[in-house]
C-alpha atoms as a PDB file:
ATOM      1  CA  GLN A   1     -13.621 -11.959  77.400  1.00  0.00           C
ATOM      2  CA  VAL A   2     -14.469  -9.540  80.040  1.00  0.00           C
ATOM      3  CA  GLN A   3     -11.949  -6.807  80.431  1.00  0.00           C
ATOM      4  CA  LEU A   4     -11.227  -4.041  82.896  1.00  0.00           C
ATOM      5  CA  VAL A   5      -8.586  -1.659  82.182  1.00  0.00           C
ATOM      6  CA  GLU A   6      -8.560   1.384  85.010  1.00  0.00           C
ATOM      7  CA  SER A   7      -6.532   4.455  84.104  1.00  0.00           C
ATOM      8  CA  GLY A   8      -6.108   8.376  85.611  1.00  0.00           C
ATOM      9  CA  GLY A   9      -4.463   7.451  89.020  1.00  0.00           C
ATOM     10  CA  GLY A  10      -1.438   9.249  89.778  1.00  0.00           C
ATOM     11  CA  LEU A  11       0.134  11.426  92.610  1.00  0.00           C
ATOM     12  CA  VAL A  12      -1.913  14.588  93.668  1.00  0.00           C
ATOM     13  CA  GLN A  13      -1.221  17.259  96.563  1.00  0.00           C
ATOM     14  CA  PRO A  14      -3.967  16.967  99.504  1.00  0.00           C
ATOM     15  CA  GLY A  15      -6.744  19.131  98.327  1.00  0.00           C
ATOM     16  CA  GLY A  16      -6.495  17.916  94.847  1.00  0.00           C
ATOM     17  CA  SER A  17      -8.638  16.179  92.327  1.00  0.00           C
ATOM     18  CA  LEU A  18      -8.209  13.047  89.965  1.00  0.00           C
ATOM     19  CA  ARG A  19     -10.821  11.127  87.759  1.00  0.00           C
ATOM     20  CA  LEU A  20     -10.545   7.634  87.185  1.00  0.00           C
ATOM     21  CA  SER A  21     -11.693   5.648  84.612  1.00  0.00           C
ATOM     22  CA  CYS A  22     -12.750   1.987  83.747  1.00  0.00           C
ATOM     23  CA  ALA A  23     -12.819   1.000  80.000  1.00  0.00           C
ATOM     24  CA  THR A  24     -14.637  -2.272  79.740  1.00  0.00           C
ATOM     25  CA  SER A  25     -14.680  -4.610  76.786  1.00  0.00           C
ATOM     26  CA  GLY A  26     -16.263  -8.464  76.512  1.00  0.00           C
ATOM     27  CA  PHE A  27     -19.760  -8.339  77.526  1.00  0.00           C
ATOM     28  CA  THR A  28     -23.144  -6.091  77.486  1.00  0.00           C
ATOM     29  CA  PHE A  29     -22.086  -3.103  79.900  1.00  0.00           C
ATOM     30  CA  SER A  30     -25.451  -1.654  80.217  1.00  0.00           C
ATOM     31  CA  SER A  31     -26.616  -4.276  82.012  1.00  0.00           C
ATOM     32  CA  TYR A  32     -24.345  -4.604  85.003  1.00  0.00           C
ATOM     33  CA  PRO A  33     -24.049  -2.457  87.912  1.00  0.00           C
ATOM     34  CA  MET A  34     -20.103  -1.229  88.411  1.00  0.00           C
ATOM     35  CA  SER A  35     -18.157  -0.323  91.204  1.00  0.00           C
ATOM     36  CA  TRP A  36     -15.163   0.895  92.354  1.00  0.00           C
ATOM     37  CA  TYR A  37     -13.559  -0.627  95.214  1.00  0.00           C
ATOM     38  CA  ARG A  38      -9.448   1.030  97.022  1.00  0.00           C
ATOM     39  CA  GLN A  39      -7.172  -0.908  98.861  1.00  0.00           C
ATOM     40  CA  ALA A  40      -4.073   0.757 101.035  1.00  0.00           C
ATOM     41  CA  PRO A  41      -1.017  -1.504 102.056  1.00  0.00           C
ATOM     42  CA  GLY A  42      -1.843  -3.267 104.948  1.00  0.00           C
ATOM     43  CA  ASN A  43      -5.443  -2.650 104.512  1.00  0.00           C
ATOM     44  CA  GLU A  44      -8.435  -5.007 103.194  1.00  0.00           C
ATOM     45  CA  ARG A  45      -9.881  -4.269  99.927  1.00  0.00           C
ATOM     46  CA  GLU A  46     -13.110  -1.769 100.394  1.00  0.00           C
ATOM     47  CA  LEU A  47     -16.106  -0.256  98.617  1.00  0.00           C
ATOM     48  CA  VAL A  48     -15.716   2.833  97.504  1.00  0.00           C
ATOM     49  CA  ALA A  49     -18.538   3.600  95.151  1.00  0.00           C
ATOM     50  CA  SER A  50     -21.031   1.670  92.964  1.00  0.00           C
ATOM     51  CA  ILE A  51     -23.726   2.580  90.399  1.00  0.00           C
ATOM     52  CA  SER A  52     -26.666   0.713  88.418  1.00  0.00           C
ATOM     53  CA  SER A  53     -26.813  -0.359  85.176  1.00  0.00           C
ATOM     54  CA  ALA A  54     -28.580   2.829  84.158  1.00  0.00           C
ATOM     55  CA  GLY A  55     -26.892   5.308  86.088  1.00  0.00           C
ATOM     56  CA  GLY A  56     -29.619   6.252  88.390  1.00  0.00           C
ATOM     57  CA  ASN A  57     -28.826   4.411  91.363  1.00  0.00           C
ATOM     58  CA  ARG A  58     -25.575   5.539  93.559  1.00  0.00           C
ATOM     59  CA  ARG A  59     -24.184   4.639  96.354  1.00  0.00           C
ATOM     60  CA  TYR A  60     -20.953   5.875  98.437  1.00  0.00           C
ATOM     61  CA  ALA A  61     -18.398   4.690 101.383  1.00  0.00           C
ATOM     62  CA  ASP A  62     -19.385   7.047 104.323  1.00  0.00           C
ATOM     63  CA  SER A  63     -15.621   8.264 104.051  1.00  0.00           C
ATOM     64  CA  VAL A  64     -16.061   9.385 100.590  1.00  0.00           C
ATOM     65  CA  LYS A  65     -19.777  11.109 100.720  1.00  0.00           C
ATOM     66  CA  GLY A  66     -19.236  14.405  98.992  1.00  0.00           C
ATOM     67  CA  ARG A  67     -15.974  14.520  97.669  1.00  0.00           C
ATOM     68  CA  PHE A  68     -16.109  11.331  95.413  1.00  0.00           C
ATOM     69  CA  THR A  69     -18.664  10.960  92.182  1.00  0.00           C
ATOM     70  CA  ILE A  70     -19.204   7.858  90.396  1.00  0.00           C
ATOM     71  CA  SER A  71     -20.746   8.191  86.926  1.00  0.00           C
ATOM     72  CA  ARG A  72     -20.888   5.866  83.917  1.00  0.00           C
ATOM     73  CA  ASP A  73     -21.186   6.586  79.840  1.00  0.00           C
ATOM     74  CA  ASN A  74     -22.662   3.407  78.711  1.00  0.00           C
ATOM     75  CA  ALA A  75     -22.257   4.554  75.346  1.00  0.00           C
ATOM     76  CA  LYS A  76     -18.805   3.956  75.953  1.00  0.00           C
ATOM     77  CA  ASN A  77     -18.788   0.970  78.083  1.00  0.00           C
ATOM     78  CA  THR A  78     -16.542   3.002  80.652  1.00  0.00           C
ATOM     79  CA  VAL A  79     -16.788   3.784  84.458  1.00  0.00           C
ATOM     80  CA  TYR A  80     -15.488   6.848  86.270  1.00  0.00           C
ATOM     81  CA  LEU A  81     -14.939   8.068  89.725  1.00  0.00           C
ATOM     82  CA  GLN A  82     -14.309  11.778  90.227  1.00  0.00           C
ATOM     83  CA  MET A  83     -12.609  12.345  93.199  1.00  0.00           C
ATOM     84  CA  ASN A  84     -12.245  16.153  94.533  1.00  0.00           C
ATOM     85  CA  SER A  85     -10.798  17.482  98.036  1.00  0.00           C
ATOM     86  CA  LEU A  86      -8.509  14.230  97.973  1.00  0.00           C
ATOM     87  CA  LYS A  87      -6.895  13.201 101.376  1.00  0.00           C
ATOM     88  CA  PRO A  88      -3.776  11.577 102.118  1.00  0.00           C
ATOM     89  CA  GLU A  89      -5.939   8.646 103.635  1.00  0.00           C
ATOM     90  CA  ASP A  90      -7.656   8.253 100.060  1.00  0.00           C
ATOM     91  CA  THR A  91      -3.899   7.027  98.973  1.00  0.00           C
ATOM     92  CA  ALA A  92      -4.709   3.571  97.675  1.00  0.00           C
ATOM     93  CA  VAL A  93      -4.765   1.201  94.688  1.00  0.00           C
ATOM     94  CA  TYR A  94      -7.899   1.752  93.038  1.00  0.00           C
ATOM     95  CA  TYR A  95     -10.123  -1.103  91.308  1.00  0.00           C
ATOM     96  CA  CYS A  96     -13.418  -1.208  89.358  1.00  0.00           C
ATOM     97  CA  LYS A  97     -15.305  -4.244  89.687  1.00  0.00           C
ATOM     98  CA  ARG A  98     -18.010  -6.262  87.381  1.00  0.00           C
ATOM     99  CA  PRO A  99     -20.104  -8.738  89.201  1.00  0.00           C
ATOM    100  CA  GLY A 100     -18.944 -12.120  88.905  1.00  0.00           C
ATOM    101  CA  ASP A 101     -15.809 -11.175  90.805  1.00  0.00           C
ATOM    102  CA  TYR A 102     -14.429  -9.314  87.792  1.00  0.00           C
ATOM    103  CA  TRP A 103     -11.848  -6.773  88.644  1.00  0.00           C
ATOM    104  CA  GLY A 104      -9.252  -4.464  86.826  1.00  0.00           C
ATOM    105  CA  GLN A 105      -5.759  -4.584  87.445  1.00  0.00           C
ATOM    106  CA  GLY A 106      -5.898  -0.982  89.577  1.00  0.00           C
ATOM    107  CA  THR A 107      -4.640   2.285  89.187  1.00  0.00           C
ATOM    108  CA  GLN A 108      -2.538   3.832  92.002  1.00  0.00           C
ATOM    109  CA  VAL A 109      -3.685   6.847  93.457  1.00  0.00           C
ATOM    110  CA  THR A 110      -1.354   8.925  96.012  1.00  0.00           C
ATOM    111  CA  VAL A 111      -2.055  12.080  97.815  1.00  0.00           C
ATOM    112  CA  SER A 112       0.485  13.538  99.189  1.00  0.00           C
ATOM    113  CA  SER A 113       2.327  17.191  99.820  1.00  0.00           C
END
């Protein structure tokens, strides 16, 4: 079955960095675009970044452009989100998603001094 497992979240000070990973299994990873979403308390889940199946096309929410980078390793069936210059408003649970409405369990990112 399709499985998505996020990791790499944690507590970081403003201006810091984190790298999230989403390890996948149960499907042909290289055939699917992948996305990262986030949901802060009281807010709707929002799209953060997406990447095409081969990795050549990437899109970002305006709020993270220039700070976050999505990437993938099709040999490792893993998608990444490098987050730099983190701000308190980046605090949220981060999820990876595959088309067909498959989601991971999420990883908490807290940006606070």
